N, C-alpha and C. Protein backbone atom coordinates (compact mmCIF):
# COMPACT_ATOMS: atom_id res chain seq x y z
N MET A 1 0.78 -1.21 0.21
CA MET A 1 0.38 0.08 0.13
C MET A 1 0.86 1.11 0.32
N LYS A 2 2.01 1.02 0.97
CA LYS A 2 2.94 2.67 0.86
C LYS A 2 3.56 2.85 -0.71
N LYS A 3 3.71 1.31 -0.80
CA LYS A 3 3.95 1.75 -2.20
C LYS A 3 3.12 2.50 -3.21
N ILE A 4 2.25 2.02 -3.16
CA ILE A 4 1.07 3.06 -4.33
C ILE A 4 1.19 3.80 -4.21
N ILE A 5 1.34 4.19 -2.62
CA ILE A 5 0.56 6.30 -2.53
C ILE A 5 1.58 7.45 -3.32
N LEU A 6 3.50 6.25 -2.81
CA LEU A 6 4.17 7.06 -3.62
C LEU A 6 4.51 6.48 -5.07
N LEU A 7 4.02 6.06 -5.35
CA LEU A 7 4.13 6.03 -7.22
C LEU A 7 3.27 7.21 -7.47
N LEU A 8 1.66 7.07 -6.86
CA LEU A 8 0.11 7.86 -7.07
C LEU A 8 1.39 9.12 -6.31
N THR A 9 2.34 9.58 -5.38
CA THR A 9 2.76 10.98 -5.24
C THR A 9 3.06 11.36 -5.92
N CYS A 10 3.99 11.03 -6.93
CA CYS A 10 5.67 10.75 -7.33
C CYS A 10 4.60 10.89 -8.66
N MET A 11 3.62 10.72 -9.58
CA MET A 11 2.76 10.35 -10.56
C MET A 11 2.56 11.80 -10.51
N PHE A 12 1.79 12.44 -9.73
CA PHE A 12 0.87 13.83 -9.15
C PHE A 12 1.21 14.26 -9.24
N GLY A 13 3.16 14.63 -8.35
CA GLY A 13 4.47 15.29 -8.13
C GLY A 13 4.57 16.02 -10.27
N ILE A 14 5.12 14.84 -10.60
CA ILE A 14 5.61 15.18 -11.91
C ILE A 14 4.71 15.98 -13.06
N SER A 15 3.79 15.66 -13.12
CA SER A 15 2.87 16.42 -13.07
C SER A 15 2.04 17.78 -13.37
N VAL A 16 2.98 17.83 -11.97
CA VAL A 16 2.35 19.26 -11.06
C VAL A 16 3.01 20.25 -11.55
N PHE A 17 4.38 19.66 -10.88
CA PHE A 17 5.55 20.42 -11.25
C PHE A 17 6.64 20.58 -12.29
N SER A 18 5.52 19.95 -13.66
CA SER A 18 6.67 19.98 -15.23
C SER A 18 6.67 21.91 -15.54
N GLN A 19 8.20 21.20 -16.23
CA GLN A 19 8.81 22.84 -16.52
C GLN A 19 8.06 23.51 -18.58
N ILE A 20 8.34 21.82 -18.58
CA ILE A 20 7.85 22.13 -20.69
C ILE A 20 6.35 22.08 -20.61
N LYS A 21 6.01 23.13 -21.19
CA LYS A 21 5.12 23.33 -21.43
C LYS A 21 4.56 23.93 -23.21
N VAL A 22 4.53 22.83 -23.95
CA VAL A 22 3.84 22.57 -25.25
C VAL A 22 3.11 23.51 -25.67
N LEU A 23 3.78 24.54 -26.48
CA LEU A 23 3.23 26.33 -27.43
C LEU A 23 2.65 25.66 -28.38
N LYS A 24 1.76 26.17 -29.85
CA LYS A 24 1.71 26.78 -30.85
C LYS A 24 2.58 27.36 -31.04
N ASN A 25 3.23 26.34 -32.39
CA ASN A 25 3.88 27.00 -33.43
C ASN A 25 3.37 27.80 -34.52
N GLU A 26 4.09 28.80 -34.81
CA GLU A 26 3.73 29.75 -35.64
C GLU A 26 4.15 28.87 -36.68
N THR A 27 4.21 29.48 -38.19
CA THR A 27 4.01 28.79 -39.11
C THR A 27 4.06 29.67 -40.49
N LEU A 28 5.25 29.76 -41.50
CA LEU A 28 5.92 31.08 -41.71
C LEU A 28 6.31 30.75 -42.87
N VAL A 29 5.61 31.16 -43.98
CA VAL A 29 6.03 30.98 -45.35
C VAL A 29 6.97 31.32 -46.29
N GLU A 30 8.35 30.67 -46.52
CA GLU A 30 10.12 31.27 -46.30
C GLU A 30 9.60 31.86 -47.86
N ILE A 31 9.86 33.05 -47.53
CA ILE A 31 9.81 34.32 -48.73
C ILE A 31 10.94 33.77 -50.36
N GLY A 32 11.66 33.81 -49.30
CA GLY A 32 13.42 33.94 -49.75
C GLY A 32 14.13 34.14 -48.56
N LYS A 33 15.73 33.21 -48.81
CA LYS A 33 16.68 32.45 -48.27
C LYS A 33 17.70 33.00 -48.63
N ASP A 34 19.28 33.68 -48.11
CA ASP A 34 20.05 33.29 -48.93
C ASP A 34 21.78 33.43 -47.36
N ASN A 35 21.67 32.11 -47.59
CA ASN A 35 22.30 32.45 -46.26
C ASN A 35 21.77 32.08 -44.82
N SER A 36 22.23 33.33 -44.34
CA SER A 36 21.65 33.97 -43.08
C SER A 36 20.68 34.99 -42.90
N VAL A 37 20.09 35.50 -44.77
CA VAL A 37 19.52 36.19 -44.63
C VAL A 37 18.11 35.90 -44.97
N GLY A 38 16.89 36.04 -44.41
CA GLY A 38 15.60 35.37 -44.82
C GLY A 38 14.44 36.37 -44.98
N LEU A 39 13.23 36.18 -45.29
CA LEU A 39 12.44 36.67 -45.49
C LEU A 39 11.06 36.11 -45.02
N TYR A 40 10.25 36.40 -44.28
CA TYR A 40 9.19 35.18 -44.38
C TYR A 40 7.44 35.73 -43.95
N LYS A 41 6.69 35.49 -44.44
CA LYS A 41 5.22 35.90 -44.33
C LYS A 41 4.43 34.88 -43.32
N LYS A 42 3.47 36.23 -42.68
CA LYS A 42 2.56 35.07 -41.97
C LYS A 42 1.00 35.60 -41.97
N ASP A 43 0.20 35.74 -42.58
CA ASP A 43 -0.69 36.19 -42.77
C ASP A 43 -0.11 38.06 -43.75
N ASP A 44 -0.98 38.92 -43.49
CA ASP A 44 0.02 40.10 -43.78
C ASP A 44 1.36 41.10 -43.69
N LYS A 45 2.01 40.26 -42.29
CA LYS A 45 3.39 40.35 -41.24
C LYS A 45 4.85 39.63 -42.18
N PHE A 46 5.31 40.17 -42.93
CA PHE A 46 6.62 40.18 -43.46
C PHE A 46 7.74 40.66 -42.14
N THR A 47 8.81 38.95 -42.29
CA THR A 47 9.61 39.27 -41.23
C THR A 47 10.53 38.63 -42.38
N ILE A 48 11.93 39.84 -41.62
CA ILE A 48 13.26 40.00 -41.96
C ILE A 48 14.11 39.23 -41.24
N ASN A 49 14.97 38.31 -41.02
CA ASN A 49 15.61 37.54 -40.19
C ASN A 49 17.37 37.09 -40.38
N TYR A 50 17.94 37.68 -40.26
CA TYR A 50 19.15 38.04 -40.10
C TYR A 50 20.08 36.87 -38.98
N GLN A 51 21.54 36.27 -39.38
CA GLN A 51 22.22 36.76 -38.76
C GLN A 51 23.21 38.25 -38.30
N ASP A 52 23.15 38.26 -37.37
CA ASP A 52 23.98 39.00 -36.72
C ASP A 52 25.79 38.85 -36.08
N LEU A 53 25.89 39.99 -37.34
CA LEU A 53 26.92 39.73 -37.18
C LEU A 53 28.36 40.72 -36.28
N ASN A 54 28.20 41.68 -35.47
CA ASN A 54 28.16 42.09 -34.86
C ASN A 54 28.23 41.90 -33.26
N THR A 55 27.76 40.77 -33.09
CA THR A 55 28.40 39.97 -31.35
C THR A 55 29.23 39.00 -31.64
N ALA A 56 29.47 38.79 -30.77
CA ALA A 56 30.94 37.70 -30.56
C ALA A 56 30.08 36.36 -30.94
N ASN A 57 29.21 35.99 -30.17
CA ASN A 57 28.24 34.85 -30.61
C ASN A 57 27.59 34.70 -31.58
N LEU A 58 28.31 33.91 -33.07
CA LEU A 58 27.36 33.80 -33.95
C LEU A 58 26.28 33.22 -34.29
N ASN A 59 25.94 32.48 -33.17
CA ASN A 59 24.73 31.75 -33.00
C ASN A 59 23.51 32.65 -32.57
N THR A 60 23.55 33.94 -33.30
CA THR A 60 22.56 35.15 -32.21
C THR A 60 21.61 35.22 -33.60
N PHE A 61 20.51 34.88 -34.10
CA PHE A 61 20.08 35.68 -35.13
C PHE A 61 18.83 36.82 -34.55
N ARG A 62 18.19 37.94 -35.25
CA ARG A 62 17.70 38.81 -35.26
C ARG A 62 16.58 39.49 -35.85
N SER A 63 15.73 39.86 -35.24
CA SER A 63 14.62 39.52 -37.05
C SER A 63 14.05 42.08 -36.87
N PHE A 64 13.76 41.69 -38.05
CA PHE A 64 12.79 43.10 -37.83
C PHE A 64 11.50 42.63 -39.11
N SER A 65 10.19 43.04 -38.01
CA SER A 65 9.36 42.72 -39.30
C SER A 65 8.12 44.00 -39.65
N PHE A 66 7.63 43.82 -40.12
CA PHE A 66 6.62 45.29 -40.67
C PHE A 66 5.56 44.66 -41.54
N GLN A 67 4.11 44.85 -41.38
CA GLN A 67 3.31 44.76 -42.22
C GLN A 67 3.05 45.38 -44.23
N ASN A 68 2.35 44.63 -44.50
CA ASN A 68 2.66 44.67 -46.09
C ASN A 68 1.59 46.41 -46.49
N MET A 69 1.68 47.59 -45.62
CA MET A 69 0.84 48.16 -45.78
C MET A 69 1.23 48.72 -47.83
N ASN A 70 0.15 49.60 -47.98
CA ASN A 70 0.66 50.08 -49.41
C ASN A 70 1.78 49.95 -50.17
N LYS A 71 1.86 48.31 -50.50
CA LYS A 71 3.29 47.51 -50.20
C LYS A 71 4.50 48.21 -50.74
N ASP A 72 4.54 47.78 -49.21
CA ASP A 72 6.09 48.70 -48.67
C ASP A 72 7.07 47.03 -48.56
N VAL A 73 6.39 45.97 -48.86
CA VAL A 73 7.52 45.10 -49.32
C VAL A 73 8.49 45.62 -50.85
N GLU A 74 7.61 45.37 -51.81
CA GLU A 74 7.57 45.65 -53.18
C GLU A 74 8.54 47.06 -52.35
N GLY A 75 7.52 47.93 -52.66
CA GLY A 75 9.07 49.52 -51.77
C GLY A 75 10.43 49.06 -51.19
N LEU A 76 10.36 48.27 -50.18
CA LEU A 76 11.67 48.08 -49.92
C LEU A 76 12.15 47.70 -50.98
N TYR A 77 12.29 46.32 -51.69
CA TYR A 77 12.64 46.01 -52.98
C TYR A 77 12.95 46.74 -53.80
N LYS A 78 12.77 47.92 -54.37
CA LYS A 78 12.37 48.57 -54.98
C LYS A 78 13.49 49.29 -54.20
N MET A 79 13.48 49.81 -53.09
CA MET A 79 14.42 50.96 -52.88
C MET A 79 16.40 49.94 -52.11
N ILE A 80 16.02 49.09 -52.48
CA ILE A 80 17.43 48.10 -52.31
C ILE A 80 17.67 48.30 -53.77
N THR A 81 16.81 47.82 -54.42
CA THR A 81 17.79 47.50 -55.87
C THR A 81 18.24 49.14 -56.64
N ASP A 82 17.23 50.14 -56.51
CA ASP A 82 18.07 51.18 -56.62
C ASP A 82 19.14 51.83 -56.09
N GLY A 83 19.33 51.23 -55.48
CA GLY A 83 20.58 52.22 -54.39
C GLY A 83 22.00 50.57 -55.16
N PHE A 84 21.34 50.17 -56.33
CA PHE A 84 22.42 49.54 -56.49
C PHE A 84 23.54 49.68 -57.93
N ILE A 85 22.14 50.40 -58.47
CA ILE A 85 22.06 51.60 -59.30
C ILE A 85 22.76 52.59 -59.19
N ASP A 86 22.27 53.22 -58.22
CA ASP A 86 23.18 54.74 -57.50
C ASP A 86 22.96 54.88 -56.53
N SER A 87 23.98 54.38 -56.24
CA SER A 87 24.27 54.25 -54.77
C SER A 87 24.31 56.23 -54.36
N PRO A 88 23.81 56.03 -52.79
CA PRO A 88 23.58 56.46 -52.00
C PRO A 88 24.35 57.45 -51.67
N GLU A 89 25.30 58.83 -51.48
CA GLU A 89 26.13 58.88 -50.55
C GLU A 89 26.00 58.37 -48.89
N GLY A 90 24.52 58.41 -48.49
CA GLY A 90 25.10 58.32 -46.80
C GLY A 90 23.73 56.79 -46.96
N ASN A 91 23.52 56.24 -45.66
CA ASN A 91 22.40 55.33 -45.32
C ASN A 91 21.50 55.82 -45.90
N ILE A 92 20.72 55.01 -46.00
CA ILE A 92 18.79 55.17 -46.05
C ILE A 92 18.53 54.91 -45.01
N VAL A 93 17.94 55.34 -43.84
CA VAL A 93 17.47 55.84 -42.70
C VAL A 93 15.98 54.53 -42.74
N LEU A 94 15.22 53.45 -42.27
CA LEU A 94 13.88 53.69 -42.29
C LEU A 94 13.06 53.56 -41.10
N GLU A 95 12.60 54.19 -40.44
CA GLU A 95 12.01 54.04 -39.43
C GLU A 95 11.31 52.88 -38.85
N LEU A 96 10.68 51.94 -38.25
CA LEU A 96 9.93 51.25 -37.74
C LEU A 96 9.28 51.86 -36.78
N PRO A 97 8.18 51.02 -35.90
CA PRO A 97 7.49 51.31 -34.70
C PRO A 97 8.50 51.36 -33.57
N ASN A 98 9.57 49.78 -33.49
CA ASN A 98 9.94 49.34 -32.67
C ASN A 98 11.29 49.42 -32.89
N ASP A 99 11.90 49.46 -34.02
CA ASP A 99 13.66 50.00 -34.46
C ASP A 99 13.84 50.54 -35.75
N ILE A 100 15.04 50.95 -35.65
CA ILE A 100 15.53 51.72 -36.36
C ILE A 100 16.26 51.11 -37.73
N ILE A 101 15.93 51.10 -38.72
CA ILE A 101 16.58 50.15 -39.98
C ILE A 101 17.53 51.35 -40.39
N GLU A 102 18.59 50.49 -40.80
CA GLU A 102 19.76 51.64 -41.76
C GLU A 102 19.70 50.57 -43.54
N LEU A 103 19.70 51.11 -43.90
CA LEU A 103 20.65 50.23 -45.42
C LEU A 103 21.59 50.93 -45.82
N HIS A 104 23.18 50.26 -45.63
CA HIS A 104 24.48 50.96 -45.60
C HIS A 104 24.86 49.86 -47.02
N TYR A 105 24.98 50.61 -47.62
CA TYR A 105 25.94 50.42 -49.26
C TYR A 105 26.75 50.32 -49.34
N GLU A 106 27.86 49.19 -50.00
CA GLU A 106 28.83 49.32 -49.77
C GLU A 106 30.08 48.62 -51.11
N LYS A 107 31.19 49.24 -51.54
CA LYS A 107 31.73 47.74 -52.61
C LYS A 107 32.19 47.32 -52.04
N ASN A 108 32.48 45.63 -52.14
CA ASN A 108 32.90 44.47 -52.14
C ASN A 108 33.66 43.55 -53.21
N TYR A 109 35.07 43.58 -52.84
CA TYR A 109 35.00 44.06 -55.13
C TYR A 109 34.56 44.57 -56.03
N GLY A 110 34.38 45.74 -56.06
CA GLY A 110 33.61 46.42 -56.22
C GLY A 110 32.67 45.98 -57.18
N GLN A 111 31.95 45.09 -57.22
CA GLN A 111 30.45 45.12 -56.70
C GLN A 111 29.85 45.95 -55.78
N PRO A 112 28.38 46.18 -56.21
CA PRO A 112 27.81 47.11 -55.57
C PRO A 112 27.42 46.69 -53.86
N THR A 113 27.24 46.45 -52.05
CA THR A 113 26.54 45.54 -51.55
C THR A 113 25.65 46.22 -50.96
N VAL A 114 24.91 45.57 -49.95
CA VAL A 114 23.49 46.10 -49.33
C VAL A 114 24.05 45.56 -48.33
N GLN A 115 24.11 46.06 -46.43
CA GLN A 115 23.49 45.79 -45.40
C GLN A 115 22.88 46.48 -44.97
N PHE A 116 21.38 45.74 -43.86
CA PHE A 116 20.62 45.70 -42.32
C PHE A 116 21.56 46.00 -41.72
N ILE A 117 21.64 47.39 -41.26
CA ILE A 117 21.53 47.49 -39.51
C ILE A 117 20.86 48.19 -39.19
N GLN A 118 20.74 47.17 -37.89
CA GLN A 118 19.12 46.96 -36.99
C GLN A 118 19.43 47.80 -35.13
N TYR A 119 18.93 49.01 -35.71
CA TYR A 119 19.06 49.86 -34.31
C TYR A 119 17.99 49.52 -33.19
N ILE A 120 18.35 48.47 -32.69
CA ILE A 120 16.90 47.79 -31.91
C ILE A 120 16.30 48.59 -30.55
N ASN A 121 15.31 48.71 -30.80
CA ASN A 121 14.35 49.51 -29.91
C ASN A 121 14.65 50.72 -29.87
N LYS A 122 14.92 51.17 -31.08
CA LYS A 122 15.37 52.45 -31.78
C LYS A 122 16.58 53.14 -30.68
N ASN A 123 17.31 52.40 -29.55
CA ASN A 123 18.60 52.49 -28.87
C ASN A 123 19.74 52.13 -29.99
N LYS A 124 20.24 53.44 -29.96
CA LYS A 124 22.29 53.30 -31.36
C LYS A 124 23.23 52.33 -29.90
N LYS A 125 22.32 51.56 -29.17
CA LYS A 125 23.42 51.33 -28.07
C LYS A 125 23.38 49.33 -28.73
N TYR A 126 22.38 49.76 -28.63
CA TYR A 126 21.79 47.72 -29.24
C TYR A 126 21.76 48.01 -31.28
N VAL A 127 22.76 46.97 -31.35
CA VAL A 127 23.34 47.36 -32.89
C VAL A 127 23.12 45.76 -33.55
N GLY A 128 22.50 45.47 -34.47
CA GLY A 128 22.87 44.04 -34.47
C GLY A 128 22.94 44.37 -36.52
N LYS A 129 23.63 43.70 -37.20
CA LYS A 129 24.18 43.76 -38.21
C LYS A 129 24.28 42.38 -39.43
N SER A 130 23.50 43.17 -40.35
CA SER A 130 23.30 41.19 -41.72
C SER A 130 24.65 41.27 -42.44
N GLN A 131 24.42 40.04 -43.07
CA GLN A 131 25.81 40.14 -43.87
C GLN A 131 25.72 41.15 -45.16
N PHE A 132 26.05 41.15 -45.80
CA PHE A 132 26.53 42.10 -46.72
C PHE A 132 26.29 41.06 -48.39
N LEU A 133 24.68 42.49 -49.05
CA LEU A 133 24.50 40.93 -49.53
C LEU A 133 24.81 42.19 -51.42
N ASN A 134 24.90 41.15 -52.01
CA ASN A 134 24.69 42.04 -53.51
C ASN A 134 23.59 41.68 -54.47
N LYS A 135 23.57 42.42 -55.31
CA LYS A 135 21.58 42.32 -56.66
C LYS A 135 21.71 40.96 -56.21
N LYS A 136 21.86 39.14 -56.85
CA LYS A 136 21.82 38.20 -57.04
C LYS A 136 21.10 37.75 -55.82
N GLN A 137 21.74 38.01 -54.07
CA GLN A 137 21.40 37.26 -53.30
C GLN A 137 20.40 38.47 -52.86
N VAL A 138 19.68 39.75 -52.77
CA VAL A 138 18.53 40.49 -52.19
C VAL A 138 17.52 39.67 -52.91
N ASP A 139 17.91 39.53 -54.63
CA ASP A 139 16.92 38.42 -55.36
C ASP A 139 16.49 37.62 -54.99
N LYS A 140 17.11 36.82 -54.47
CA LYS A 140 17.07 35.08 -53.88
C LYS A 140 16.39 35.48 -52.70
N VAL A 141 16.45 36.91 -51.77
CA VAL A 141 15.63 36.56 -50.61
C VAL A 141 14.34 37.04 -50.54
N PHE A 142 14.40 38.25 -51.61
CA PHE A 142 13.11 38.25 -51.90
C PHE A 142 11.78 37.42 -52.66
N GLY A 143 12.24 37.12 -53.10
CA GLY A 143 11.99 35.70 -53.23
C GLY A 143 11.67 35.89 -55.20
N ARG A 144 12.13 36.65 -55.97
CA ARG A 144 12.79 37.32 -57.72
C ARG A 144 13.28 35.27 -58.00
N THR A 145 13.67 34.85 -57.53
CA THR A 145 14.50 33.32 -58.47
C THR A 145 13.25 32.90 -58.59
N ASN A 146 12.87 32.22 -56.92
CA ASN A 146 12.01 31.18 -56.82
C ASN A 146 10.58 31.31 -57.38
N GLY A 147 10.21 32.91 -57.52
CA GLY A 147 9.04 32.97 -57.49
C GLY A 147 8.00 33.27 -56.76
N LYS A 148 7.85 33.55 -55.68
CA LYS A 148 7.62 33.78 -54.47
C LYS A 148 7.05 34.65 -54.41
N SER A 149 7.96 35.58 -55.09
CA SER A 149 7.17 37.02 -54.89
C SER A 149 5.94 37.59 -55.02
N SER A 150 5.51 36.64 -56.15
CA SER A 150 4.01 37.07 -55.85
C SER A 150 3.11 36.32 -54.92
N LEU A 151 4.11 35.59 -53.67
CA LEU A 151 3.11 35.90 -52.32
C LEU A 151 3.49 37.52 -51.87
N TYR A 152 3.59 38.31 -51.60
CA TYR A 152 3.81 39.79 -51.57
C TYR A 152 2.14 40.02 -51.06
N ASP A 153 1.45 39.81 -51.93
CA ASP A 153 -0.14 40.53 -51.78
C ASP A 153 -1.37 39.36 -51.78
N ARG A 154 -0.81 38.36 -51.80
CA ARG A 154 -2.66 36.99 -51.15
C ARG A 154 -1.62 36.80 -49.75
N PRO A 155 -2.87 36.91 -48.98
CA PRO A 155 -3.25 36.65 -47.67
C PRO A 155 -2.65 34.41 -47.10
N GLY A 156 -2.04 34.85 -46.40
CA GLY A 156 -1.40 34.32 -45.50
C GLY A 156 -1.65 32.60 -46.60
N MET A 157 -0.56 31.97 -46.71
CA MET A 157 -0.85 30.39 -47.23
C MET A 157 0.13 29.69 -46.24
N LYS A 158 -0.52 28.14 -46.00
CA LYS A 158 0.54 27.65 -45.42
C LYS A 158 1.07 26.62 -46.34
N THR A 159 1.15 26.79 -47.33
CA THR A 159 1.57 25.34 -48.17
C THR A 159 3.51 26.05 -47.69
N ASN A 160 3.98 25.12 -48.08
CA ASN A 160 5.74 25.21 -48.48
C ASN A 160 5.83 25.78 -46.68
N ALA A 161 5.24 25.70 -45.68
CA ALA A 161 5.64 26.56 -44.15
C ALA A 161 7.33 25.96 -43.82
N THR A 162 7.32 26.92 -42.78
CA THR A 162 8.72 26.37 -42.64
C THR A 162 8.80 27.40 -41.17
N GLN A 163 9.02 25.74 -39.99
CA GLN A 163 9.13 26.81 -38.29
C GLN A 163 10.27 27.63 -38.23
N THR A 164 10.48 28.73 -37.92
CA THR A 164 11.01 29.34 -37.05
C THR A 164 11.09 30.42 -36.09
N THR A 165 11.77 30.08 -35.06
CA THR A 165 12.43 31.28 -33.92
C THR A 165 13.06 32.19 -34.12
N ALA A 166 12.49 33.29 -33.87
CA ALA A 166 13.47 34.19 -33.96
C ALA A 166 13.91 35.04 -32.86
N ALA A 167 14.91 35.32 -32.86
CA ALA A 167 15.33 35.82 -30.98
C ALA A 167 14.38 37.57 -30.90
N THR A 168 14.51 38.05 -31.77
CA THR A 168 14.41 39.61 -31.92
C THR A 168 12.40 40.17 -32.38
N THR A 169 11.50 39.78 -31.85
CA THR A 169 10.55 39.90 -33.09
C THR A 169 9.40 41.35 -32.76
N ASN A 170 9.39 42.54 -34.02
CA ASN A 170 8.69 43.98 -33.43
C ASN A 170 7.66 42.95 -34.60
N THR A 171 6.55 44.49 -34.31
CA THR A 171 5.81 44.97 -35.56
C THR A 171 6.07 45.98 -35.82
N MET A 172 5.44 46.08 -36.55
CA MET A 172 5.07 47.98 -37.66
C MET A 172 4.47 47.45 -38.42
N SER A 173 4.07 49.19 -38.50
CA SER A 173 2.84 48.99 -39.69
C SER A 173 3.94 49.64 -41.27
N THR A 174 3.99 50.55 -41.64
CA THR A 174 4.48 50.89 -42.69
C THR A 174 5.92 51.76 -42.40
N ALA A 175 7.21 51.08 -43.11
CA ALA A 175 8.20 51.74 -43.05
C ALA A 175 8.61 53.28 -43.64
N ILE A 176 8.79 54.03 -43.18
CA ILE A 176 8.60 55.60 -43.43
C ILE A 176 10.58 56.38 -43.42
N PRO A 177 11.36 56.67 -44.21
CA PRO A 177 12.24 56.69 -44.02
C PRO A 177 12.44 58.02 -43.02
N LEU A 178 13.95 58.11 -42.48
CA LEU A 178 13.73 59.15 -40.92
C LEU A 178 14.31 60.55 -41.55
N ASN A 179 14.98 60.90 -42.14
CA ASN A 179 15.75 61.44 -43.43
C ASN A 179 15.60 61.89 -44.38
N ASP A 180 16.15 63.07 -44.87
CA ASP A 180 16.30 63.11 -46.30
C ASP A 180 18.07 62.04 -46.80
N THR A 181 17.36 61.34 -47.49
CA THR A 181 18.68 60.69 -48.32
C THR A 181 19.44 61.40 -48.99
N PRO A 182 20.72 61.22 -48.67
CA PRO A 182 21.40 62.96 -49.66
C PRO A 182 21.49 61.65 -51.10
N THR A 183 21.56 62.38 -52.79
CA THR A 183 21.63 61.70 -53.33
C THR A 183 22.30 62.67 -54.48
N LYS A 184 22.63 62.02 -55.51
CA LYS A 184 23.31 62.72 -56.17
C LYS A 184 22.52 63.65 -57.36
N THR A 185 23.68 64.08 -58.31
CA THR A 185 22.70 65.72 -59.20
C THR A 185 22.03 65.30 -60.33
N ALA A 186 22.17 63.49 -60.83
CA ALA A 186 21.47 63.52 -61.65
C ALA A 186 19.83 63.51 -61.55
N THR A 187 19.57 63.84 -62.36
CA THR A 187 17.90 63.76 -62.91
C THR A 187 17.37 62.64 -61.82
N SER A 188 17.64 61.55 -63.09
CA SER A 188 16.53 60.88 -62.67
C SER A 188 17.01 59.81 -61.32
N SER A 189 18.56 59.90 -61.04
CA SER A 189 18.27 59.81 -59.89
C SER A 189 17.36 60.86 -58.30
N SER A 190 16.78 61.56 -58.56
CA SER A 190 16.54 62.66 -57.66
C SER A 190 15.00 61.86 -58.00
N GLN A 191 14.10 62.04 -59.92
CA GLN A 191 13.32 61.67 -59.77
C GLN A 191 12.89 59.64 -58.55
N LYS A 192 13.81 59.21 -58.67
CA LYS A 192 13.58 57.88 -57.92
C LYS A 192 13.05 58.42 -56.66
N ASN A 193 14.18 59.13 -56.38
CA ASN A 193 13.99 59.46 -54.67
C ASN A 193 13.05 60.08 -53.71
N LYS A 194 12.10 61.20 -54.49
CA LYS A 194 11.58 61.44 -54.42
C LYS A 194 10.57 60.75 -54.02
N LYS A 195 10.54 60.06 -53.87
CA LYS A 195 8.98 58.77 -54.20
C LYS A 195 9.45 58.70 -52.11
N TYR A 196 10.55 58.00 -51.81
CA TYR A 196 11.58 57.60 -50.32
C TYR A 196 11.19 59.13 -49.48
N LYS A 197 11.66 60.04 -49.73
CA LYS A 197 11.69 60.94 -48.80
C LYS A 197 10.04 61.47 -48.43
N LYS A 198 10.34 61.92 -46.97
CA LYS A 198 9.43 62.55 -46.22
C LYS A 198 9.53 63.85 -46.46
């Protein structure tokens, strides 16, 4: 009898004090990914996930998210690719509700590249940096090479779902540049950048 009571006590103790709880996983549709930078979609929310190269721990992944209001995903892609054609003199600064994102352009081996710089919680002390991406890699991340860019305007789909956990996830409405981006004197460049200036 003592053994039965001891066994029931142990079983009850394990079930009451268990520390592992099963949570519902959010499924994200992968739009595109190249190395450690990826673009994911859930409903109308898009998340860019990247490996933070600014930390000593290379297993740190960060992300920032935004809603696709007014075709913001397409606008971000166009803004990035326009920077490859006509490189801005300074960083393009975008303000999200929780973060500040800078698009930093630099030539690597003579090829134009872009890097995401994230000021986490709008605090200049906490900075995340992605790898540098060339035009081909940006096309891959934004789903231009695999045809998934057609999912930008569609409601969330369950096919080809990928489960991911992000170190930092933030919501946003529309990405708005913080300040005017320095532009070159060419007239075509100034016409392109008027769209993104505040």
